[in-house]
Amino acid sequence: MRYEWDFGAVFAQAPLLLDGLLGTLRLAGTAIGLGVALGLVLALMRLSPRRLLRWPGTVFVEFYRNTPALVHFFWFYFAMPVVLDISLTAFAAATLALATQSGAFYAEVFRGGIRSLGTGQWEAGRALGMTEAAAMRRIILPQAMARMVAPFVERSFELLKTTSLASTLAYGDLLFRAAQVNSITFRPLETYTVLAGMYVLLLFTFSSGAAMAERRLTAFR
């Protein structure tokens, strides 16, 4: 018995899938923005000579690097209301889970990029009369950014794919909407084939933009 493919019913639910795509982009964009800011702070904490800054940053990073992402989703959505009496929406809980986990990984990206420059750049900044903060902003970070692009893109790839876990909280991301389409059409093969295609297109577009940014940054090194 041959299976007869029929994508018509799935394409008829295109508005639902597009709504899921927008939900995924909204979640990923917010989590990346917050994760990058948190990652930079954590990286500077880990690079600090002061133990009171370095140790908390290290504990945070190691905790998130060694625990499953799904646990963070469930903790923020189900446990936080019990522990702190704070009720979060599915979007807020998913954003916090993704941002904190990715912040830990972005911290290692920043830390690796900054340490790769060596001490000579810092000495050059001091020779010009710059403070450590000024040298970081005007000398270290601009050069380190070009070296960070590849691992930064890889981490962002993982974040984009991890957004699918938000469907476990009934957040309307791409996977959650695809499940709804499947329940309407009873066409799982077609539905999840289209879903895979949408993820490929999304990630390919992201990688192409990142590759262009990397070339431009490299040109200014």
C-alpha atoms as a PDB file:
ATOM      1  CA  MET A   1       0.000   0.000   0.000  1.00  0.00           C
ATOM      2  CA  ARG A   2       1.549   3.265  -1.154  1.00  0.00           C
ATOM      3  CA  TYR A   3       1.156   6.422   0.861  1.00  0.00           C
ATOM      4  CA  GLU A   4      -0.316   9.296  -1.136  1.00  0.00           C
ATOM      5  CA  TRP A   5       1.203  12.591  -0.172  1.00  0.00           C
ATOM      6  CA  ASP A   6      -1.165  15.550   0.069  1.00  0.00           C
ATOM      7  CA  PHE A   7       0.256  18.876   1.169  1.00  0.00           C
ATOM      8  CA  GLY A   8      -2.865  20.817   0.221  1.00  0.00           C
ATOM      9  CA  ALA A   9      -4.505  20.440   3.620  1.00  0.00           C
ATOM     10  CA  VAL A  10      -1.317  21.568   5.379  1.00  0.00           C
ATOM     11  CA  PHE A  11      -0.807  24.577   3.112  1.00  0.00           C
ATOM     12  CA  ALA A  12      -4.400  25.578   3.800  1.00  0.00           C
ATOM     13  CA  GLN A  13      -3.301  26.103   7.414  1.00  0.00           C
ATOM     14  CA  ALA A  14      -0.429  28.394   6.377  1.00  0.00           C
ATOM     15  CA  PRO A  15      -1.626  31.314   8.567  1.00  0.00           C
ATOM     16  CA  LEU A  16      -1.340  29.082  11.631  1.00  0.00           C
ATOM     17  CA  LEU A  17       2.194  28.021  10.693  1.00  0.00           C
ATOM     18  CA  LEU A  18       3.228  31.592   9.949  1.00  0.00           C
ATOM     19  CA  ASP A  19       1.925  32.626  13.352  1.00  0.00           C
ATOM     20  CA  GLY A  20       4.121  29.909  14.850  1.00  0.00           C
ATOM     21  CA  LEU A  21       7.109  31.164  12.865  1.00  0.00           C
ATOM     22  CA  LEU A  22       6.579  34.673  14.220  1.00  0.00           C
ATOM     23  CA  GLY A  23       6.299  33.218  17.713  1.00  0.00           C
ATOM     24  CA  THR A  24       9.605  31.402  17.282  1.00  0.00           C
ATOM     25  CA  LEU A  25      11.340  34.520  15.951  1.00  0.00           C
ATOM     26  CA  ARG A  26       9.962  36.643  18.760  1.00  0.00           C
ATOM     27  CA  LEU A  27      11.128  34.164  21.382  1.00  0.00           C
ATOM     28  CA  ALA A  28      14.546  33.633  19.803  1.00  0.00           C
ATOM     29  CA  GLY A  29      15.194  37.333  19.242  1.00  0.00           C
ATOM     30  CA  THR A  30      14.315  38.273  22.819  1.00  0.00           C
ATOM     31  CA  ALA A  31      16.310  35.390  24.295  1.00  0.00           C
ATOM     32  CA  ILE A  32      19.377  36.145  22.168  1.00  0.00           C
ATOM     33  CA  GLY A  33      19.325  39.827  23.151  1.00  0.00           C
ATOM     34  CA  LEU A  34      19.034  39.047  26.857  1.00  0.00           C
ATOM     35  CA  GLY A  35      21.468  36.130  26.607  1.00  0.00           C
ATOM     36  CA  VAL A  36      24.174  38.223  24.949  1.00  0.00           C
ATOM     37  CA  ALA A  37      23.884  40.952  27.612  1.00  0.00           C
ATOM     38  CA  LEU A  38      23.988  38.370  30.408  1.00  0.00           C
ATOM     39  CA  GLY A  39      26.838  36.498  28.728  1.00  0.00           C
ATOM     40  CA  LEU A  40      28.992  39.619  28.531  1.00  0.00           C
ATOM     41  CA  VAL A  41      28.439  40.342  32.227  1.00  0.00           C
ATOM     42  CA  LEU A  42      29.235  36.732  33.158  1.00  0.00           C
ATOM     43  CA  ALA A  43      32.362  36.733  30.978  1.00  0.00           C
ATOM     44  CA  LEU A  44      33.669  39.871  32.688  1.00  0.00           C
ATOM     45  CA  MET A  45      32.889  38.308  36.069  1.00  0.00           C
ATOM     46  CA  ARG A  46      34.814  35.167  35.156  1.00  0.00           C
ATOM     47  CA  LEU A  47      37.758  37.223  33.916  1.00  0.00           C
ATOM     48  CA  SER A  48      37.830  39.342  37.084  1.00  0.00           C
ATOM     49  CA  PRO A  49      40.763  38.816  39.481  1.00  0.00           C
ATOM     50  CA  ARG A  50      38.298  39.218  42.373  1.00  0.00           C
ATOM     51  CA  ARG A  51      36.946  35.956  43.761  1.00  0.00           C
ATOM     52  CA  LEU A  52      33.671  37.536  44.842  1.00  0.00           C
ATOM     53  CA  LEU A  53      32.941  38.178  41.159  1.00  0.00           C
ATOM     54  CA  ARG A  54      34.729  35.248  39.542  1.00  0.00           C
ATOM     55  CA  TRP A  55      33.256  32.434  41.631  1.00  0.00           C
ATOM     56  CA  PRO A  56      29.542  33.332  41.278  1.00  0.00           C
ATOM     57  CA  GLY A  57      30.053  33.731  37.529  1.00  0.00           C
ATOM     58  CA  THR A  58      31.759  30.354  37.329  1.00  0.00           C
ATOM     59  CA  VAL A  59      29.052  28.622  39.379  1.00  0.00           C
ATOM     60  CA  PHE A  60      26.316  30.115  37.196  1.00  0.00           C
ATOM     61  CA  VAL A  61      28.013  29.080  33.963  1.00  0.00           C
ATOM     62  CA  GLU A  62      28.803  25.556  35.121  1.00  0.00           C
ATOM     63  CA  PHE A  63      25.287  25.022  36.478  1.00  0.00           C
ATOM     64  CA  TYR A  64      23.640  25.920  33.172  1.00  0.00           C
ATOM     65  CA  ARG A  65      26.200  24.081  31.066  1.00  0.00           C
ATOM     66  CA  ASN A  66      25.571  20.858  32.987  1.00  0.00           C
ATOM     67  CA  THR A  67      21.777  20.801  33.276  1.00  0.00           C
ATOM     68  CA  PRO A  68      19.197  20.000  30.566  1.00  0.00           C
ATOM     69  CA  ALA A  69      17.384  22.901  28.929  1.00  0.00           C
ATOM     70  CA  LEU A  70      13.975  21.312  29.508  1.00  0.00           C
ATOM     71  CA  VAL A  71      14.548  21.430  33.273  1.00  0.00           C
ATOM     72  CA  HIS A  72      14.967  25.205  33.062  1.00  0.00           C
ATOM     73  CA  PHE A  73      11.732  25.570  31.105  1.00  0.00           C
ATOM     74  CA  PHE A  74       9.816  23.591  33.696  1.00  0.00           C
ATOM     75  CA  TRP A  75      11.475  25.352  36.629  1.00  0.00           C
ATOM     76  CA  PHE A  76      10.606  28.852  35.471  1.00  0.00           C
ATOM     77  CA  TYR A  77       7.064  27.913  34.453  1.00  0.00           C
ATOM     78  CA  PHE A  78       6.021  25.453  37.165  1.00  0.00           C
ATOM     79  CA  ALA A  79       8.427  25.857  40.107  1.00  0.00           C
ATOM     80  CA  MET A  80       8.901  29.625  40.248  1.00  0.00           C
ATOM     81  CA  PRO A  81       5.223  30.338  41.047  1.00  0.00           C
ATOM     82  CA  VAL A  82       5.504  27.945  43.996  1.00  0.00           C
ATOM     83  CA  VAL A  83       8.884  29.111  45.311  1.00  0.00           C
ATOM     84  CA  LEU A  84       8.667  32.859  44.694  1.00  0.00           C
ATOM     85  CA  ASP A  85       4.929  33.346  44.249  1.00  0.00           C
ATOM     86  CA  ILE A  86       5.553  34.804  40.785  1.00  0.00           C
ATOM     87  CA  SER A  87       3.360  33.634  37.930  1.00  0.00           C
ATOM     88  CA  LEU A  88       4.942  33.775  34.483  1.00  0.00           C
ATOM     89  CA  THR A  89       3.392  33.489  31.059  1.00  0.00           C
ATOM     90  CA  ALA A  90       4.657  30.719  28.784  1.00  0.00           C
ATOM     91  CA  PHE A  91       6.554  33.323  26.744  1.00  0.00           C
ATOM     92  CA  ALA A  92       8.223  34.864  29.798  1.00  0.00           C
ATOM     93  CA  ALA A  93       9.187  31.487  31.254  1.00  0.00           C
ATOM     94  CA  ALA A  94      10.581  30.248  27.935  1.00  0.00           C
ATOM     95  CA  THR A  95      12.483  33.499  27.413  1.00  0.00           C
ATOM     96  CA  LEU A  96      14.092  33.312  30.851  1.00  0.00           C
ATOM     97  CA  ALA A  97      14.990  29.650  30.375  1.00  0.00           C
ATOM     98  CA  LEU A  98      16.612  30.293  26.996  1.00  0.00           C
ATOM     99  CA  ALA A  99      18.285  33.571  27.979  1.00  0.00           C
ATOM    100  CA  THR A 100      19.877  32.255  31.164  1.00  0.00           C
ATOM    101  CA  GLN A 101      21.080  29.031  29.574  1.00  0.00           C
ATOM    102  CA  SER A 102      22.403  30.763  26.475  1.00  0.00           C
ATOM    103  CA  GLY A 103      23.938  33.505  28.600  1.00  0.00           C
ATOM    104  CA  ALA A 104      26.125  30.846  30.198  1.00  0.00           C
ATOM    105  CA  PHE A 105      27.297  29.641  26.787  1.00  0.00           C
ATOM    106  CA  TYR A 106      27.687  33.138  25.354  1.00  0.00           C
ATOM    107  CA  ALA A 107      29.854  33.933  28.387  1.00  0.00           C
ATOM    108  CA  GLU A 108      32.326  31.273  27.304  1.00  0.00           C
ATOM    109  CA  VAL A 109      32.283  32.655  23.759  1.00  0.00           C
ATOM    110  CA  PHE A 110      33.088  36.150  25.030  1.00  0.00           C
ATOM    111  CA  ARG A 111      35.673  34.896  27.496  1.00  0.00           C
ATOM    112  CA  GLY A 112      37.439  32.811  24.857  1.00  0.00           C
ATOM    113  CA  GLY A 113      37.475  35.688  22.368  1.00  0.00           C
ATOM    114  CA  ILE A 114      38.834  38.156  24.908  1.00  0.00           C
ATOM    115  CA  ARG A 115      41.528  35.814  26.221  1.00  0.00           C
ATOM    116  CA  SER A 116      42.651  34.912  22.710  1.00  0.00           C
ATOM    117  CA  LEU A 117      44.096  38.404  22.209  1.00  0.00           C
ATOM    118  CA  GLY A 118      46.820  38.025  24.811  1.00  0.00           C
ATOM    119  CA  THR A 119      48.309  40.634  27.115  1.00  0.00           C
ATOM    120  CA  GLY A 120      49.914  42.753  24.412  1.00  0.00           C
ATOM    121  CA  GLN A 121      46.650  44.501  23.562  1.00  0.00           C
ATOM    122  CA  TRP A 122      46.034  45.401  27.195  1.00  0.00           C
ATOM    123  CA  GLU A 123      49.566  46.781  27.487  1.00  0.00           C
ATOM    124  CA  ALA A 124      48.989  48.882  24.387  1.00  0.00           C
ATOM    125  CA  GLY A 125      45.864  50.348  25.954  1.00  0.00           C
ATOM    126  CA  ARG A 126      47.707  51.189  29.166  1.00  0.00           C
ATOM    127  CA  ALA A 127      50.518  52.775  27.152  1.00  0.00           C
ATOM    128  CA  LEU A 128      47.932  55.064  25.565  1.00  0.00           C
ATOM    129  CA  GLY A 129      46.679  56.067  28.994  1.00  0.00           C
ATOM    130  CA  MET A 130      43.408  54.122  28.810  1.00  0.00           C
ATOM    131  CA  THR A 131      41.653  52.670  31.787  1.00  0.00           C
ATOM    132  CA  GLU A 132      40.898  48.942  31.758  1.00  0.00           C
ATOM    133  CA  ALA A 133      37.257  49.612  30.878  1.00  0.00           C
ATOM    134  CA  ALA A 134      38.223  51.933  28.011  1.00  0.00           C
ATOM    135  CA  ALA A 135      40.742  49.429  26.662  1.00  0.00           C
ATOM    136  CA  MET A 136      38.086  46.725  26.780  1.00  0.00           C
ATOM    137  CA  ARG A 137      35.592  48.875  24.888  1.00  0.00           C
ATOM    138  CA  ARG A 138      37.907  50.447  22.317  1.00  0.00           C
ATOM    139  CA  ILE A 139      40.628  47.837  21.738  1.00  0.00           C
ATOM    140  CA  ILE A 140      39.769  44.383  23.033  1.00  0.00           C
ATOM    141  CA  LEU A 141      36.101  43.877  22.152  1.00  0.00           C
ATOM    142  CA  PRO A 142      36.295  45.231  18.549  1.00  0.00           C
ATOM    143  CA  GLN A 143      39.096  42.773  17.740  1.00  0.00           C
ATOM    144  CA  ALA A 144      37.594  39.896  19.676  1.00  0.00           C
ATOM    145  CA  MET A 145      34.219  40.215  17.942  1.00  0.00           C
ATOM    146  CA  ALA A 146      35.563  38.865  14.651  1.00  0.00           C
ATOM    147  CA  ARG A 147      36.905  35.792  16.437  1.00  0.00           C
ATOM    148  CA  MET A 148      33.619  35.264  18.256  1.00  0.00           C
ATOM    149  CA  VAL A 149      31.351  35.175  15.201  1.00  0.00           C
ATOM    150  CA  ALA A 150      31.637  31.450  14.432  1.00  0.00           C
ATOM    151  CA  PRO A 151      30.998  30.158  17.990  1.00  0.00           C
ATOM    152  CA  PHE A 152      28.379  32.878  18.514  1.00  0.00           C
ATOM    153  CA  VAL A 153      26.481  31.724  15.436  1.00  0.00           C
ATOM    154  CA  GLU A 154      26.745  28.092  16.526  1.00  0.00           C
ATOM    155  CA  ARG A 155      25.295  28.923  19.941  1.00  0.00           C
ATOM    156  CA  SER A 156      22.516  30.980  18.355  1.00  0.00           C
ATOM    157  CA  PHE A 157      21.735  28.025  16.081  1.00  0.00           C
ATOM    158  CA  GLU A 158      21.282  25.861  19.137  1.00  0.00           C
ATOM    159  CA  LEU A 159      19.084  28.490  20.748  1.00  0.00           C
ATOM    160  CA  LEU A 160      16.854  28.695  17.678  1.00  0.00           C
ATOM    161  CA  LYS A 161      16.376  24.938  17.704  1.00  0.00           C
ATOM    162  CA  THR A 162      15.875  24.837  21.461  1.00  0.00           C
ATOM    163  CA  THR A 163      12.926  27.238  21.138  1.00  0.00           C
ATOM    164  CA  SER A 164      10.927  24.166  20.126  1.00  0.00           C
ATOM    165  CA  LEU A 165      10.924  23.140  23.815  1.00  0.00           C
ATOM    166  CA  ALA A 166       8.637  26.096  24.491  1.00  0.00           C
ATOM    167  CA  SER A 167       5.845  24.041  22.954  1.00  0.00           C
ATOM    168  CA  THR A 168       5.868  21.950  26.154  1.00  0.00           C
ATOM    169  CA  LEU A 169       4.577  25.083  27.925  1.00  0.00           C
ATOM    170  CA  ALA A 170       1.833  25.549  25.304  1.00  0.00           C
ATOM    171  CA  TYR A 171       3.611  28.587  23.874  1.00  0.00           C
ATOM    172  CA  GLY A 172       2.592  29.208  20.265  1.00  0.00           C
ATOM    173  CA  ASP A 173       5.930  28.578  18.575  1.00  0.00           C
ATOM    174  CA  LEU A 174       6.448  26.799  15.270  1.00  0.00           C
ATOM    175  CA  LEU A 175       6.361  23.282  16.721  1.00  0.00           C
ATOM    176  CA  PHE A 176       3.240  23.970  18.797  1.00  0.00           C
ATOM    177  CA  ARG A 177       1.390  25.384  15.781  1.00  0.00           C
ATOM    178  CA  ALA A 178       2.512  22.444  13.662  1.00  0.00           C
ATOM    179  CA  ALA A 179       1.007  20.078  16.238  1.00  0.00           C
ATOM    180  CA  GLN A 180      -2.245  22.024  15.970  1.00  0.00           C
ATOM    181  CA  VAL A 181      -2.144  21.773  12.181  1.00  0.00           C
ATOM    182  CA  ASN A 182      -1.595  18.032  12.463  1.00  0.00           C
ATOM    183  CA  SER A 183      -4.593  17.685  14.783  1.00  0.00           C
ATOM    184  CA  ILE A 184      -6.711  19.504  12.188  1.00  0.00           C
ATOM    185  CA  THR A 185      -5.457  17.795   9.040  1.00  0.00           C
ATOM    186  CA  PHE A 186      -4.444  14.337  10.327  1.00  0.00           C
ATOM    187  CA  ARG A 187      -1.455  14.590   7.976  1.00  0.00           C
ATOM    188  CA  PRO A 188       1.601  14.099  10.229  1.00  0.00           C
ATOM    189  CA  LEU A 189       4.065  13.289   7.442  1.00  0.00           C
ATOM    190  CA  GLU A 190       3.183  16.362   5.427  1.00  0.00           C
ATOM    191  CA  THR A 191       2.882  18.599   8.481  1.00  0.00           C
ATOM    192  CA  TYR A 192       6.266  17.762   9.942  1.00  0.00           C
ATOM    193  CA  THR A 193       7.930  17.738   6.528  1.00  0.00           C
ATOM    194  CA  VAL A 194       6.755  21.324   6.046  1.00  0.00           C
ATOM    195  CA  LEU A 195       7.891  22.083   9.593  1.00  0.00           C
ATOM    196  CA  ALA A 196      11.375  20.742   8.863  1.00  0.00           C
ATOM    197  CA  GLY A 197      11.515  22.795   5.679  1.00  0.00           C
ATOM    198  CA  MET A 198      10.584  25.960   7.559  1.00  0.00           C
ATOM    199  CA  TYR A 199      13.325  25.344  10.133  1.00  0.00           C
ATOM    200  CA  VAL A 200      15.874  24.718   7.368  1.00  0.00           C
ATOM    201  CA  LEU A 201      14.885  27.927   5.602  1.00  0.00           C
ATOM    202  CA  LEU A 202      14.989  29.898   8.847  1.00  0.00           C
ATOM    203  CA  LEU A 203      18.400  28.598   9.902  1.00  0.00           C
ATOM    204  CA  PHE A 204      19.875  28.894   6.396  1.00  0.00           C
ATOM    205  CA  THR A 205      18.787  32.541   6.237  1.00  0.00           C
ATOM    206  CA  PHE A 206      20.305  33.144   9.660  1.00  0.00           C
ATOM    207  CA  SER A 207      23.590  31.438   8.723  1.00  0.00           C
ATOM    208  CA  SER A 208      23.837  33.390   5.453  1.00  0.00           C
ATOM    209  CA  GLY A 209      23.426  36.672   7.313  1.00  0.00           C
ATOM    210  CA  ALA A 210      25.972  35.609   9.901  1.00  0.00           C
ATOM    211  CA  ALA A 211      28.481  34.612   7.211  1.00  0.00           C
ATOM    212  CA  MET A 212      28.095  38.042   5.610  1.00  0.00           C
ATOM    213  CA  ALA A 213      28.644  39.743   8.962  1.00  0.00           C
ATOM    214  CA  GLU A 214      31.728  37.593   9.598  1.00  0.00           C
ATOM    215  CA  ARG A 215      33.249  38.583   6.246  1.00  0.00           C
ATOM    216  CA  ARG A 216      32.705  42.260   6.990  1.00  0.00           C
ATOM    217  CA  LEU A 217      34.165  41.998  10.465  1.00  0.00           C
ATOM    218  CA  THR A 218      37.181  40.094   9.134  1.00  0.00           C
ATOM    219  CA  ALA A 219      37.771  42.799   6.543  1.00  0.00           C
ATOM    220  CA  PHE A 220      38.188  45.377   9.332  1.00  0.00           C
ATOM    221  CA  ARG A 221      40.543  43.289  11.452  1.00  0.00           C
END
